[in-house]
Amino acid sequence: MNEMVSAPLEAQAASGQAPSSGKIGVLLVNLGTPDAADPASVRRYLKEFLTDPRVIENQGLVWKLVLNGIVLRFRPRRKARDYEKIWNRERNESPIKTITRSQAEKLASTLEPLGHGIAVDWAMRYGNPSIGSRITHLLAHGCERLLVIPLYPQYCAATTATVCDEVFRALAPLRHQPALRVAPPYYNDAIYIEALASSTSAELARLPFKPDVILASFHGVPKAYVENGDPYYAHCAETMRLLRNQLKMDESQLVMTFQSRFGRGKWLEPATIATVRSLAKRGVRHIAVITPGFAADCLETLEEIAVENAHVFKRYGGENFAAIACLNDSAPGMLVIWQLAMRELKGWV
């Protein structure tokens, strides 16, 4: 009897075919967005985001007073105006939703020929669609194996780890849990670096001017997070080293900076906006900015970089400023996501 049971499995293993055990779910996850470009929606989104202990590690009484007494009283109105500038009015949603949905749809079409009942979905860590709701959807459709792909090239506890936290939280109450894989960060992946280099070169060639300096702006984090062991800065630096090699640029031509500082603490430097101001004051007239840490354009790229930083650059004497699009759902961007999925699905398909 044992021989009869094991024979098909042995034949399957010899052929390299994955054992059949239900459908496979692939979940793309990005940071998030409010549901609407109005103060109430932004307030709900910011509250969820800023009460995450991975994002703000000290959730003590002082922070609660600042958050509820200052941040959530005044910031939502200003941020709602920023969202209004970039809002996708046709779909009535933030661009990060539009792009992440498209990434999931395109990934699904490329994985479909593999068979195995692969279902691709997408979620936002903060806001909607939530991670929990999409995992529930995938499980309801028979997925017994789940691959989660956080769309953050560089690992940071405030991004990648909090996705894992939420996935585990969604699975914790379940008696019948799916097998789970989480794709690792891809900051030094050869296809990712090639995609960044090729798309950057192509976009630079389309510009009506030649940048004197190119900034590579990553999302900032407090210095204390890195000092306490977060590998984020090292991952960003390695991405930059590889990208400079690929583009044949040095540190003066392709400059690493960090954006989106929040609060009064010490954050990673140099700050993007301070660098933009300094370059303009020094007589640099033409710059371009790429954002290698973002897999999809969002408020931080479309408004903070393309609007706010461009305004500062021109205010202090700069002439030409270009914000180069993220990889998004472009052919190079989808190649990165597809190969990440294929690598992590090995043994399942």
Protein backbone atom coordinates (compact mmCIF):
# COMPACT_ATOMS: atom_id res chain seq x y z
CA MET A 1 0.00 0.00 0.00
CA ASN A 2 2.80 2.43 0.90
CA GLU A 3 4.56 1.64 -2.37
CA MET A 4 1.36 2.34 -4.32
CA VAL A 5 0.93 5.73 -2.60
CA SER A 6 4.56 6.80 -2.94
CA ALA A 7 5.04 5.81 -6.57
CA PRO A 8 3.14 8.76 -8.12
CA LEU A 9 4.90 11.21 -5.76
CA GLU A 10 8.30 9.78 -6.70
CA ALA A 11 7.45 10.08 -10.39
CA GLN A 12 6.25 13.64 -9.83
CA ALA A 13 9.45 14.55 -7.99
CA ALA A 14 11.60 13.00 -10.69
CA SER A 15 9.82 15.03 -13.36
CA GLY A 16 10.25 18.27 -11.38
CA GLN A 17 6.48 18.74 -11.21
CA ALA A 18 5.14 20.39 -8.06
CA PRO A 19 2.74 18.31 -5.95
CA SER A 20 -0.90 19.30 -6.40
CA SER A 21 -2.24 20.94 -3.25
CA GLY A 22 -4.77 23.59 -4.15
CA LYS A 23 -4.52 26.92 -5.88
CA ILE A 24 -1.70 29.42 -5.40
CA GLY A 25 -2.36 33.02 -4.41
CA VAL A 26 0.10 35.82 -5.24
CA LEU A 27 -0.49 39.07 -3.38
CA LEU A 28 1.26 42.32 -4.38
CA VAL A 29 1.38 44.83 -1.51
CA ASN A 30 2.19 48.52 -1.59
CA LEU A 31 2.12 51.20 1.10
CA GLY A 32 -1.36 52.66 0.85
CA THR A 33 -3.56 55.67 0.26
CA PRO A 34 -6.65 57.38 1.61
CA ASP A 35 -9.96 56.41 0.01
CA ALA A 36 -10.65 59.97 -1.09
CA ALA A 37 -8.82 63.28 -1.41
CA ASP A 38 -10.67 64.92 1.48
CA PRO A 39 -9.57 65.71 5.05
CA ALA A 40 -11.72 63.04 6.70
CA SER A 41 -10.34 60.25 4.50
CA VAL A 42 -6.77 61.49 4.90
CA ARG A 43 -7.24 61.65 8.67
CA ARG A 44 -8.36 58.00 8.79
CA TYR A 45 -5.43 56.97 6.64
CA LEU A 46 -2.87 58.93 8.66
CA LYS A 47 -4.23 57.56 11.93
CA GLU A 48 -3.81 53.98 10.75
CA PHE A 49 -0.35 54.73 9.38
CA LEU A 50 0.98 56.74 12.31
CA THR A 51 -0.31 54.40 15.04
CA ASP A 52 1.72 51.53 13.59
CA PRO A 53 4.62 50.94 16.03
CA ARG A 54 6.82 49.94 13.08
CA VAL A 55 6.38 53.43 11.60
CA ILE A 56 6.53 55.44 14.83
CA GLU A 57 8.35 53.21 17.28
CA ASN A 58 7.67 55.27 20.39
CA GLN A 59 3.90 55.14 20.75
CA GLY A 60 3.97 56.61 24.27
CA LEU A 61 1.78 59.27 25.82
CA VAL A 62 3.72 62.19 24.32
CA TRP A 63 3.30 60.84 20.79
CA LYS A 64 -0.41 60.18 21.37
CA LEU A 65 -0.86 63.79 22.49
CA VAL A 66 1.07 65.12 19.48
CA LEU A 67 -0.74 62.81 17.06
CA ASN A 68 -4.26 63.55 18.25
CA GLY A 69 -3.74 67.15 19.34
CA ILE A 70 -1.65 68.43 16.43
CA VAL A 71 -0.96 66.03 13.55
CA LEU A 72 -4.49 64.70 13.02
CA ARG A 73 -6.01 68.16 13.54
CA PHE A 74 -3.96 70.10 11.00
CA ARG A 75 -2.09 67.76 8.64
CA PRO A 76 -5.11 66.07 6.96
CA ARG A 77 -6.38 69.30 5.39
CA ARG A 78 -2.99 70.16 3.89
CA LYS A 79 -2.35 66.61 2.70
CA ALA A 80 -5.84 66.41 1.19
CA ARG A 81 -4.93 69.38 -1.01
CA ASP A 82 -1.77 67.55 -2.07
CA TYR A 83 -3.73 64.42 -2.94
CA GLU A 84 -6.20 66.54 -4.89
CA LYS A 85 -3.36 67.67 -7.19
CA ILE A 86 -2.49 64.11 -8.25
CA TRP A 87 -5.86 62.33 -7.89
CA ASN A 88 -6.96 59.99 -10.68
CA ARG A 89 -10.36 61.57 -11.30
CA GLU A 90 -11.43 59.01 -13.88
CA ARG A 91 -11.24 56.18 -11.34
CA ASN A 92 -11.65 58.42 -8.28
CA GLU A 93 -8.58 56.99 -6.61
CA SER A 94 -4.94 57.70 -5.88
CA PRO A 95 -2.45 56.83 -8.66
CA ILE A 96 -0.76 54.22 -6.44
CA LYS A 97 -4.01 52.22 -6.52
CA THR A 98 -4.34 52.55 -10.28
CA ILE A 99 -0.77 51.43 -10.85
CA THR A 100 -0.72 48.58 -8.32
CA ARG A 101 -3.96 47.19 -9.76
CA SER A 102 -2.43 47.30 -13.25
CA GLN A 103 0.72 45.58 -11.99
CA ALA A 104 -1.40 42.77 -10.54
CA GLU A 105 -3.46 42.41 -13.72
CA LYS A 106 -0.38 42.29 -15.93
CA LEU A 107 1.34 39.80 -13.62
CA ALA A 108 -1.77 37.60 -13.71
CA SER A 109 -1.72 37.53 -17.51
CA THR A 110 1.94 36.45 -17.60
CA LEU A 111 1.48 33.76 -14.92
CA GLU A 112 -1.73 32.34 -16.38
CA PRO A 113 0.04 30.08 -18.94
CA LEU A 114 1.77 28.28 -16.05
CA GLY A 115 -1.52 26.79 -14.93
CA HIS A 116 -1.66 25.55 -11.31
CA GLY A 117 -4.65 27.82 -10.63
CA ILE A 118 -2.53 30.88 -9.81
CA ALA A 119 -4.63 33.82 -8.59
CA VAL A 120 -3.01 37.26 -8.43
CA ASP A 121 -4.40 40.02 -6.21
CA TRP A 122 -3.20 43.30 -4.72
CA ALA A 123 -3.53 45.18 -1.45
CA MET A 124 -2.49 48.29 0.43
CA ARG A 125 -0.79 48.03 3.80
CA TYR A 126 -2.75 51.08 4.99
CA GLY A 127 -6.18 51.90 3.62
CA ASN A 128 -8.05 49.81 1.10
CA PRO A 129 -8.08 47.18 -0.21
CA SER A 130 -6.63 45.85 3.02
CA ILE A 131 -4.25 42.91 3.25
CA GLY A 132 -6.69 40.98 5.41
CA SER A 133 -9.58 41.39 2.97
CA ARG A 134 -7.54 40.21 -0.01
CA ILE A 135 -6.13 37.20 1.85
CA THR A 136 -9.68 36.27 2.81
CA HIS A 137 -10.68 36.58 -0.86
CA LEU A 138 -7.80 34.39 -2.05
CA LEU A 139 -8.50 31.71 0.56
CA ALA A 140 -12.19 31.73 -0.30
CA HIS A 141 -11.21 30.94 -3.88
CA GLY A 142 -9.30 27.83 -2.86
CA CYS A 143 -5.74 29.14 -2.47
CA GLU A 144 -3.82 26.84 -0.13
CA ARG A 145 -0.45 28.43 -0.84
CA LEU A 146 0.24 32.16 -0.62
CA LEU A 147 3.13 34.22 -1.97
CA VAL A 148 3.25 37.80 -0.67
CA ILE A 149 5.40 40.28 -2.62
CA PRO A 150 6.01 43.55 -0.73
CA LEU A 151 6.75 46.12 -3.43
CA TYR A 152 9.69 47.64 -1.54
CA PRO A 153 13.08 47.01 -3.17
CA GLN A 154 15.00 47.95 -0.02
CA TYR A 155 14.06 46.29 3.26
CA CYS A 156 12.91 48.51 6.10
CA ALA A 157 11.04 47.49 9.22
CA ALA A 158 8.66 50.40 8.64
CA THR A 159 7.67 49.00 5.24
CA THR A 160 8.54 45.35 4.57
CA ALA A 161 8.25 44.13 8.15
CA THR A 162 4.91 45.80 8.74
CA VAL A 163 3.52 44.02 5.68
CA CYS A 164 4.58 40.74 7.28
CA ASP A 165 3.02 41.82 10.58
CA GLU A 166 -0.31 42.41 8.87
CA VAL A 167 -0.17 39.16 6.91
CA PHE A 168 0.54 37.21 10.11
CA ARG A 169 -2.26 39.10 11.87
CA ALA A 170 -4.69 38.09 9.12
CA LEU A 171 -3.63 34.43 9.32
CA ALA A 172 -3.45 34.17 13.13
CA PRO A 173 -7.17 33.39 13.75
CA LEU A 174 -7.32 30.72 11.04
CA ARG A 175 -7.46 27.05 11.92
CA HIS A 176 -6.53 26.06 8.36
CA GLN A 177 -3.68 28.35 7.33
CA PRO A 178 -2.13 28.41 3.86
CA ALA A 179 1.52 27.67 3.25
CA LEU A 180 3.19 31.08 3.19
CA ARG A 181 6.15 32.64 1.40
CA VAL A 182 7.22 36.30 1.51
CA ALA A 183 9.46 37.58 -1.26
CA PRO A 184 12.70 39.10 0.07
CA PRO A 185 13.86 42.63 -0.78
CA TYR A 186 15.35 43.00 -4.25
CA TYR A 187 17.65 46.01 -3.80
CA ASN A 188 20.61 44.23 -5.47
CA ASP A 189 18.70 42.11 -7.97
CA ALA A 190 20.36 42.26 -11.40
CA ILE A 191 17.07 42.60 -13.30
CA TYR A 192 15.89 45.39 -10.99
CA ILE A 193 19.16 47.30 -11.46
CA GLU A 194 19.02 46.79 -15.23
CA ALA A 195 15.40 47.98 -15.29
CA LEU A 196 16.30 51.12 -13.34
CA ALA A 197 19.27 51.82 -15.58
CA SER A 198 17.44 51.25 -18.87
CA SER A 199 14.37 53.25 -17.89
CA THR A 200 16.47 56.10 -16.47
CA SER A 201 18.61 56.27 -19.62
CA ALA A 202 15.53 56.24 -21.83
CA GLU A 203 13.80 58.99 -19.87
CA LEU A 204 16.93 61.15 -19.74
CA ALA A 205 17.28 60.84 -23.51
CA ARG A 206 13.73 62.20 -23.94
CA LEU A 207 14.35 65.33 -21.88
CA PRO A 208 14.72 68.64 -23.75
CA PHE A 209 17.73 69.43 -21.55
CA LYS A 210 20.76 67.63 -20.13
CA PRO A 211 20.77 67.43 -16.32
CA ASP A 212 23.90 68.71 -14.58
CA VAL A 213 23.12 66.42 -11.64
CA ILE A 214 20.75 63.49 -11.11
CA LEU A 215 19.33 62.86 -7.66
CA ALA A 216 18.20 59.40 -6.56
CA SER A 217 15.68 60.13 -3.82
CA PHE A 218 14.70 57.38 -1.39
CA HIS A 219 12.07 57.63 1.33
CA GLY A 220 13.73 58.71 4.55
CA VAL A 221 13.62 57.06 7.98
CA PRO A 222 14.85 58.22 11.39
CA LYS A 223 18.59 57.64 11.89
CA ALA A 224 17.81 55.78 15.12
CA TYR A 225 16.11 52.99 13.17
CA VAL A 226 19.29 52.32 11.20
CA GLU A 227 21.48 52.69 14.29
CA ASN A 228 19.33 50.03 15.97
CA GLY A 229 19.96 47.52 13.20
CA ASP A 230 17.64 48.29 10.29
CA PRO A 231 19.49 47.46 7.02
CA TYR A 232 17.62 50.10 5.02
CA TYR A 233 20.50 52.56 4.53
CA ALA A 234 22.88 49.78 3.51
CA HIS A 235 20.34 48.48 0.98
CA CYS A 236 19.87 51.96 -0.51
CA ALA A 237 23.63 52.45 -0.73
CA GLU A 238 24.10 49.11 -2.48
CA THR A 239 21.35 49.91 -4.98
CA MET A 240 23.15 53.17 -5.70
CA ARG A 241 26.54 51.52 -6.12
CA LEU A 242 25.16 49.02 -8.61
CA LEU A 243 23.13 51.64 -10.46
CA ARG A 244 26.09 54.01 -10.75
CA ASN A 245 28.16 51.15 -12.18
CA GLN A 246 25.42 50.34 -14.68
CA LEU A 247 24.99 53.97 -15.76
CA LYS A 248 28.74 54.66 -15.61
CA MET A 249 28.24 57.61 -13.26
CA ASP A 250 30.07 58.62 -10.12
CA GLU A 251 28.77 59.97 -6.81
CA SER A 252 28.85 63.58 -8.03
CA GLN A 253 26.71 62.76 -11.06
CA LEU A 254 24.17 60.47 -9.36
CA VAL A 255 23.57 61.65 -5.79
CA MET A 256 21.70 59.63 -3.13
CA THR A 257 19.25 61.66 -1.03
CA PHE A 258 16.32 60.99 1.34
CA GLN A 259 12.89 62.62 1.29
CA SER A 260 9.70 62.87 3.34
CA ARG A 261 11.18 63.84 6.69
CA PHE A 262 8.56 63.96 9.44
CA GLY A 263 8.94 65.51 12.89
CA ARG A 264 11.97 67.02 14.59
CA GLY A 265 14.17 63.96 15.07
CA LYS A 266 17.33 63.21 13.10
CA TRP A 267 16.63 61.49 9.80
CA LEU A 268 18.85 59.97 7.14
CA GLU A 269 20.78 62.55 5.16
CA PRO A 270 21.31 64.30 2.86
CA ALA A 271 17.71 65.47 2.64
CA THR A 272 16.34 65.70 -0.89
CA ILE A 273 14.75 69.12 -0.54
CA ALA A 274 17.82 70.59 1.16
CA THR A 275 20.02 69.18 -1.61
CA VAL A 276 17.74 70.61 -4.30
CA ARG A 277 17.92 74.04 -2.63
CA SER A 278 21.69 73.83 -2.22
CA LEU A 279 22.27 72.84 -5.83
CA ALA A 280 20.20 75.76 -7.10
CA LYS A 281 22.05 78.20 -4.82
CA ARG A 282 25.38 76.85 -6.11
CA GLY A 283 24.40 77.66 -9.68
CA VAL A 284 23.26 74.24 -10.89
CA ARG A 285 20.56 74.98 -13.44
CA HIS A 286 19.36 71.59 -14.66
CA ILE A 287 18.56 68.52 -12.54
CA ALA A 288 16.55 65.31 -12.77
CA VAL A 289 15.26 63.17 -9.91
CA ILE A 290 14.68 59.42 -9.93
CA THR A 291 13.02 57.51 -7.08
CA PRO A 292 14.45 53.95 -7.06
CA GLY A 293 12.83 52.96 -3.77
CA PHE A 294 9.27 53.35 -5.07
CA ALA A 295 7.72 50.63 -7.24
CA ALA A 296 4.79 52.89 -8.17
CA ASP A 297 4.29 56.61 -8.43
CA CYS A 298 2.45 58.06 -5.45
CA LEU A 299 2.06 61.25 -3.43
CA GLU A 300 5.76 61.22 -2.52
CA THR A 301 6.87 61.17 -6.16
CA LEU A 302 4.08 62.98 -8.00
CA GLU A 303 3.58 65.82 -5.54
CA GLU A 304 6.52 65.98 -3.14
CA ILE A 305 9.18 65.55 -5.83
CA ALA A 306 7.51 66.74 -9.05
CA VAL A 307 5.73 69.74 -7.50
CA GLU A 308 7.24 70.75 -4.15
CA ASN A 309 10.90 70.07 -4.93
CA ALA A 310 10.58 71.51 -8.44
CA HIS A 311 9.15 74.70 -6.93
CA VAL A 312 12.04 75.00 -4.45
CA PHE A 313 14.62 74.40 -7.18
CA LYS A 314 13.23 77.15 -9.41
CA ARG A 315 12.66 79.50 -6.49
CA TYR A 316 16.38 79.46 -5.72
CA GLY A 317 17.56 79.95 -9.30
CA GLY A 318 17.20 76.57 -11.00
CA GLU A 319 15.82 76.44 -14.53
CA ASN A 320 14.95 72.88 -15.58
CA PHE A 321 13.68 70.18 -13.23
CA ALA A 322 12.51 66.72 -14.27
CA ALA A 323 10.87 64.11 -12.05
CA ILE A 324 11.38 60.76 -13.77
CA ALA A 325 8.58 58.23 -13.41
CA CYS A 326 8.94 55.09 -11.30
CA LEU A 327 9.11 51.70 -12.98
CA ASN A 328 5.35 51.36 -12.41
CA ASP A 329 3.68 48.87 -14.79
CA SER A 330 6.11 49.55 -17.63
CA ALA A 331 7.69 46.61 -19.45
CA PRO A 332 10.93 46.86 -17.39
CA GLY A 333 8.94 47.26 -14.17
CA MET A 334 6.77 44.23 -14.91
CA LEU A 335 9.83 42.16 -15.79
CA VAL A 336 11.15 42.86 -12.28
CA ILE A 337 7.89 41.78 -10.62
CA TRP A 338 7.47 38.75 -12.89
CA GLN A 339 10.94 37.40 -12.19
CA LEU A 340 10.47 37.97 -8.44
CA ALA A 341 7.28 35.92 -8.60
CA MET A 342 8.86 33.18 -10.71
CA ARG A 343 11.85 32.90 -8.40
CA GLU A 344 9.70 32.58 -5.27
CA LEU A 345 7.18 30.20 -6.89
CA LYS A 346 9.83 27.58 -7.61
CA GLY A 347 8.77 24.24 -6.18
CA TRP A 348 5.14 25.32 -6.29
CA VAL A 349 4.90 25.54 -10.08
